Amino acid sequence: MLVHLERKLRIFVFSAIVTPVDLDFVGKLYVDREHFRYDDLEIAYFTPDVSLAQIDADDLGGLADVYFEAQRARGEVFSQNSVWTMPDQVRSEARLWREFTRDAENSNKRRRYVDSLQAAVEVHGFPQAWFDDIRQGTGFHQFGDVTALATAV
């Protein structure tokens, strides 16, 4: 994950083989009040080589439980605006992430699907310069491996 506090932007990067351990990592970020702010705009970037095959419904449900418990404990509302950049081969798998969250409220979220990081930047209405900053990590706090952004289009 990358976080730009001043721009109120969070970017999740999913690459190679996504595992339940990766989802546990994301779950731990939910309780980080300083860096994971529920009202920040979000981009979820899935690389062209990503595989979600090791993630099952229980993993997704567990992550959703952690998320909603953190949300209740923090008393904050999650931003409605999320843009997911993903290759076609995982788009149907990723839809399962929403369907197995165990909370009907999640279906009301506005999630846009696009095919490039550039398109995600445009959907959020960010200036072109932000695209280069994202790819270079300029001004962002980094959590985990986000090197895939350096070559994103």
C-alpha atoms as a PDB file:
ATOM      1  CA  MET A   1       0.000   0.000   0.000  1.00  0.00           C
ATOM      2  CA  LEU A   2       1.045   3.563  -0.710  1.00  0.00           C
ATOM      3  CA  VAL A   3      -0.446   6.481   1.216  1.00  0.00           C
ATOM      4  CA  HIS A   4      -0.156  10.166   0.408  1.00  0.00           C
ATOM      5  CA  LEU A   5      -1.479  11.913   3.519  1.00  0.00           C
ATOM      6  CA  GLU A   6      -1.726  15.427   2.078  1.00  0.00           C
ATOM      7  CA  ARG A   7      -3.505  14.273  -1.084  1.00  0.00           C
ATOM      8  CA  LYS A   8      -5.765  11.914   0.875  1.00  0.00           C
ATOM      9  CA  LEU A   9      -4.968   9.041  -1.464  1.00  0.00           C
ATOM     10  CA  ARG A  10      -4.399   5.355  -0.751  1.00  0.00           C
ATOM     11  CA  ILE A  11      -3.175   2.854  -3.352  1.00  0.00           C
ATOM     12  CA  PHE A  12      -3.236  -0.910  -2.859  1.00  0.00           C
ATOM     13  CA  VAL A  13      -0.970  -2.954  -5.136  1.00  0.00           C
ATOM     14  CA  PHE A  14      -1.726  -6.619  -5.800  1.00  0.00           C
ATOM     15  CA  SER A  15       0.836  -8.490  -7.899  1.00  0.00           C
ATOM     16  CA  ALA A  16       2.057 -12.026  -8.624  1.00  0.00           C
ATOM     17  CA  ILE A  17       0.285 -14.579  -6.391  1.00  0.00           C
ATOM     18  CA  VAL A  18      -1.958 -12.983  -3.773  1.00  0.00           C
ATOM     19  CA  THR A  19      -2.115 -15.136  -0.641  1.00  0.00           C
ATOM     20  CA  PRO A  20      -4.121 -15.138   2.591  1.00  0.00           C
ATOM     21  CA  VAL A  21      -1.001 -13.698   4.286  1.00  0.00           C
ATOM     22  CA  ASP A  22      -1.304 -10.682   1.986  1.00  0.00           C
ATOM     23  CA  LEU A  23      -4.890 -10.200   3.117  1.00  0.00           C
ATOM     24  CA  ASP A  24      -3.777 -10.444   6.755  1.00  0.00           C
ATOM     25  CA  PHE A  25      -1.283  -7.652   5.999  1.00  0.00           C
ATOM     26  CA  VAL A  26      -4.100  -5.508   4.601  1.00  0.00           C
ATOM     27  CA  GLY A  27      -6.225  -6.262   7.661  1.00  0.00           C
ATOM     28  CA  LYS A  28      -3.492  -4.967   9.956  1.00  0.00           C
ATOM     29  CA  LEU A  29      -3.412  -1.704   8.025  1.00  0.00           C
ATOM     30  CA  TYR A  30      -7.094  -1.107   8.802  1.00  0.00           C
ATOM     31  CA  VAL A  31      -6.261  -0.322  12.429  1.00  0.00           C
ATOM     32  CA  ASP A  32      -3.407   2.070  11.574  1.00  0.00           C
ATOM     33  CA  ARG A  33      -5.200   5.365  12.284  1.00  0.00           C
ATOM     34  CA  GLU A  34      -2.305   7.489  11.089  1.00  0.00           C
ATOM     35  CA  HIS A  35      -1.890   5.939   7.644  1.00  0.00           C
ATOM     36  CA  PHE A  36      -5.171   4.202   6.858  1.00  0.00           C
ATOM     37  CA  ARG A  37      -7.851   6.851   6.852  1.00  0.00           C
ATOM     38  CA  TYR A  38     -11.273   5.662   5.867  1.00  0.00           C
ATOM     39  CA  ASP A  39     -12.217   8.826   3.994  1.00  0.00           C
ATOM     40  CA  ASP A  40      -9.190   8.826   1.652  1.00  0.00           C
ATOM     41  CA  LEU A  41      -9.744   8.113  -2.027  1.00  0.00           C
ATOM     42  CA  GLU A  42      -8.557   4.687  -3.105  1.00  0.00           C
ATOM     43  CA  ILE A  43      -7.006   2.961  -6.083  1.00  0.00           C
ATOM     44  CA  ALA A  44      -6.597  -0.813  -6.078  1.00  0.00           C
ATOM     45  CA  TYR A  45      -4.013  -1.730  -8.699  1.00  0.00           C
ATOM     46  CA  PHE A  46      -3.897  -5.351  -9.883  1.00  0.00           C
ATOM     47  CA  THR A  47      -0.876  -6.082 -12.081  1.00  0.00           C
ATOM     48  CA  PRO A  48      -1.224  -7.991 -15.371  1.00  0.00           C
ATOM     49  CA  ASP A  49       0.492 -11.034 -13.802  1.00  0.00           C
ATOM     50  CA  VAL A  50      -1.687 -11.173 -10.680  1.00  0.00           C
ATOM     51  CA  SER A  51      -3.316 -14.404  -9.542  1.00  0.00           C
ATOM     52  CA  LEU A  52      -6.096 -14.566  -6.967  1.00  0.00           C
ATOM     53  CA  ALA A  53      -6.346 -18.371  -7.140  1.00  0.00           C
ATOM     54  CA  GLN A  54      -5.091 -18.890  -3.566  1.00  0.00           C
ATOM     55  CA  ILE A  55      -7.779 -16.640  -2.074  1.00  0.00           C
ATOM     56  CA  ASP A  56     -11.066 -18.280  -1.124  1.00  0.00           C
ATOM     57  CA  ALA A  57     -14.372 -17.048   0.273  1.00  0.00           C
ATOM     58  CA  ASP A  58     -13.320 -17.606   3.896  1.00  0.00           C
ATOM     59  CA  ASP A  59     -10.211 -15.459   3.371  1.00  0.00           C
ATOM     60  CA  LEU A  60     -12.326 -12.662   1.917  1.00  0.00           C
ATOM     61  CA  GLY A  61     -14.951 -12.962   4.610  1.00  0.00           C
ATOM     62  CA  GLY A  62     -12.263 -12.857   7.291  1.00  0.00           C
ATOM     63  CA  LEU A  63     -10.759  -9.706   5.801  1.00  0.00           C
ATOM     64  CA  ALA A  64     -14.203  -8.119   5.616  1.00  0.00           C
ATOM     65  CA  ASP A  65     -14.846  -8.990   9.272  1.00  0.00           C
ATOM     66  CA  VAL A  66     -11.569  -7.324  10.294  1.00  0.00           C
ATOM     67  CA  TYR A  67     -12.403  -4.285   8.175  1.00  0.00           C
ATOM     68  CA  PHE A  68     -15.905  -3.782   9.564  1.00  0.00           C
ATOM     69  CA  GLU A  69     -14.755  -4.387  13.145  1.00  0.00           C
ATOM     70  CA  ALA A  70     -12.032  -1.752  12.682  1.00  0.00           C
ATOM     71  CA  GLN A  71     -14.585   0.584  11.135  1.00  0.00           C
ATOM     72  CA  ARG A  72     -16.967   0.137  14.088  1.00  0.00           C
ATOM     73  CA  ALA A  73     -14.155   0.563  16.630  1.00  0.00           C
ATOM     74  CA  ARG A  74     -12.891   3.701  14.917  1.00  0.00           C
ATOM     75  CA  GLY A  75     -16.365   5.115  14.310  1.00  0.00           C
ATOM     76  CA  GLU A  76     -15.444   6.224  10.799  1.00  0.00           C
ATOM     77  CA  VAL A  77     -17.150   5.867   7.424  1.00  0.00           C
ATOM     78  CA  PHE A  78     -15.304   4.375   4.474  1.00  0.00           C
ATOM     79  CA  SER A  79     -14.935   6.496   1.350  1.00  0.00           C
ATOM     80  CA  GLN A  80     -17.454   5.614  -1.323  1.00  0.00           C
ATOM     81  CA  ASN A  81     -14.931   6.250  -4.110  1.00  0.00           C
ATOM     82  CA  SER A  82     -12.671   3.389  -5.105  1.00  0.00           C
ATOM     83  CA  VAL A  83     -11.194   2.686  -8.538  1.00  0.00           C
ATOM     84  CA  TRP A  84      -9.882  -0.785  -9.346  1.00  0.00           C
ATOM     85  CA  THR A  85      -7.354  -1.204 -12.143  1.00  0.00           C
ATOM     86  CA  MET A  86      -7.205  -4.811 -13.236  1.00  0.00           C
ATOM     87  CA  PRO A  87      -6.606  -7.090 -16.181  1.00  0.00           C
ATOM     88  CA  ASP A  88      -9.618  -8.827 -17.696  1.00  0.00           C
ATOM     89  CA  GLN A  89      -8.489 -12.302 -16.603  1.00  0.00           C
ATOM     90  CA  VAL A  90      -9.000 -11.481 -12.908  1.00  0.00           C
ATOM     91  CA  ARG A  91     -11.992  -9.159 -13.141  1.00  0.00           C
ATOM     92  CA  SER A  92     -14.519 -11.912 -12.429  1.00  0.00           C
ATOM     93  CA  GLU A  93     -12.404 -13.250  -9.551  1.00  0.00           C
ATOM     94  CA  ALA A  94     -12.140  -9.790  -8.050  1.00  0.00           C
ATOM     95  CA  ARG A  95     -15.915  -9.384  -8.091  1.00  0.00           C
ATOM     96  CA  LEU A  96     -16.014 -12.235  -5.595  1.00  0.00           C
ATOM     97  CA  TRP A  97     -14.074  -9.994  -3.223  1.00  0.00           C
ATOM     98  CA  ARG A  98     -17.140  -7.790  -2.994  1.00  0.00           C
ATOM     99  CA  GLU A  99     -19.690 -10.594  -2.885  1.00  0.00           C
ATOM    100  CA  PHE A 100     -18.105 -12.411   0.060  1.00  0.00           C
ATOM    101  CA  THR A 101     -17.677  -9.481   2.408  1.00  0.00           C
ATOM    102  CA  ARG A 102     -20.472 -10.600   4.717  1.00  0.00           C
ATOM    103  CA  ASP A 103     -21.942  -7.109   4.913  1.00  0.00           C
ATOM    104  CA  ALA A 104     -24.749  -5.832   2.720  1.00  0.00           C
ATOM    105  CA  GLU A 105     -23.505  -2.242   3.109  1.00  0.00           C
ATOM    106  CA  ASN A 106     -20.508  -3.022   0.909  1.00  0.00           C
ATOM    107  CA  SER A 107     -22.717  -3.548  -2.126  1.00  0.00           C
ATOM    108  CA  ASN A 108     -23.595   0.160  -1.961  1.00  0.00           C
ATOM    109  CA  LYS A 109     -20.004   1.257  -2.493  1.00  0.00           C
ATOM    110  CA  ARG A 110     -19.148   2.938  -5.766  1.00  0.00           C
ATOM    111  CA  ARG A 111     -16.340   0.960  -7.283  1.00  0.00           C
ATOM    112  CA  ARG A 112     -15.216   1.739 -10.817  1.00  0.00           C
ATOM    113  CA  TYR A 113     -13.260  -0.763 -12.887  1.00  0.00           C
ATOM    114  CA  VAL A 114     -10.674   0.530 -15.369  1.00  0.00           C
ATOM    115  CA  ASP A 115      -7.872  -1.041 -17.388  1.00  0.00           C
ATOM    116  CA  SER A 116      -4.908   1.203 -16.521  1.00  0.00           C
ATOM    117  CA  LEU A 117      -3.417   3.240 -13.717  1.00  0.00           C
ATOM    118  CA  GLN A 118      -3.641   6.297 -15.967  1.00  0.00           C
ATOM    119  CA  ALA A 119      -7.398   5.732 -16.281  1.00  0.00           C
ATOM    120  CA  ALA A 120      -7.716   5.434 -12.483  1.00  0.00           C
ATOM    121  CA  VAL A 121      -5.962   8.779 -12.067  1.00  0.00           C
ATOM    122  CA  GLU A 122      -8.354  10.319 -14.597  1.00  0.00           C
ATOM    123  CA  VAL A 123     -11.471   8.832 -12.949  1.00  0.00           C
ATOM    124  CA  HIS A 124     -10.498  10.465  -9.655  1.00  0.00           C
ATOM    125  CA  GLY A 125      -9.880  13.745 -11.492  1.00  0.00           C
ATOM    126  CA  PHE A 126      -6.256  14.012 -10.370  1.00  0.00           C
ATOM    127  CA  PRO A 127      -3.795  16.186 -12.290  1.00  0.00           C
ATOM    128  CA  GLN A 128      -1.518  14.371 -14.768  1.00  0.00           C
ATOM    129  CA  ALA A 129       1.492  15.084 -12.532  1.00  0.00           C
ATOM    130  CA  TRP A 130       0.011  12.797  -9.880  1.00  0.00           C
ATOM    131  CA  PHE A 131       0.333   9.823 -12.230  1.00  0.00           C
ATOM    132  CA  ASP A 132       4.104  10.320 -12.358  1.00  0.00           C
ATOM    133  CA  ASP A 133       4.241  10.863  -8.585  1.00  0.00           C
ATOM    134  CA  ILE A 134       2.364   7.591  -8.036  1.00  0.00           C
ATOM    135  CA  ARG A 135       4.699   5.646 -10.309  1.00  0.00           C
ATOM    136  CA  GLN A 136       7.756   7.127  -8.576  1.00  0.00           C
ATOM    137  CA  GLY A 137       6.286   7.048  -5.059  1.00  0.00           C
ATOM    138  CA  THR A 138       6.927  10.765  -4.626  1.00  0.00           C
ATOM    139  CA  GLY A 139       5.444  11.975  -1.336  1.00  0.00           C
ATOM    140  CA  PHE A 140       3.983   8.574  -0.448  1.00  0.00           C
ATOM    141  CA  HIS A 141       4.475   6.390   2.614  1.00  0.00           C
ATOM    142  CA  GLN A 142       5.104   2.834   1.451  1.00  0.00           C
ATOM    143  CA  PHE A 143       3.886  -0.344   3.162  1.00  0.00           C
ATOM    144  CA  GLY A 144       5.046  -3.552   1.518  1.00  0.00           C
ATOM    145  CA  ASP A 145       6.257  -4.077  -2.048  1.00  0.00           C
ATOM    146  CA  VAL A 146       4.806  -1.584  -4.533  1.00  0.00           C
ATOM    147  CA  THR A 147       7.535  -1.748  -7.198  1.00  0.00           C
ATOM    148  CA  ALA A 148       4.943  -2.801  -9.798  1.00  0.00           C
ATOM    149  CA  LEU A 149       3.716   0.790  -9.940  1.00  0.00           C
ATOM    150  CA  ALA A 150       7.005   1.945 -11.460  1.00  0.00           C
ATOM    151  CA  THR A 151       6.097   0.317 -14.781  1.00  0.00           C
ATOM    152  CA  ALA A 152       2.325   0.843 -14.645  1.00  0.00           C
ATOM    153  CA  VAL A 153       0.603   2.472 -17.596  1.00  0.00           C
END
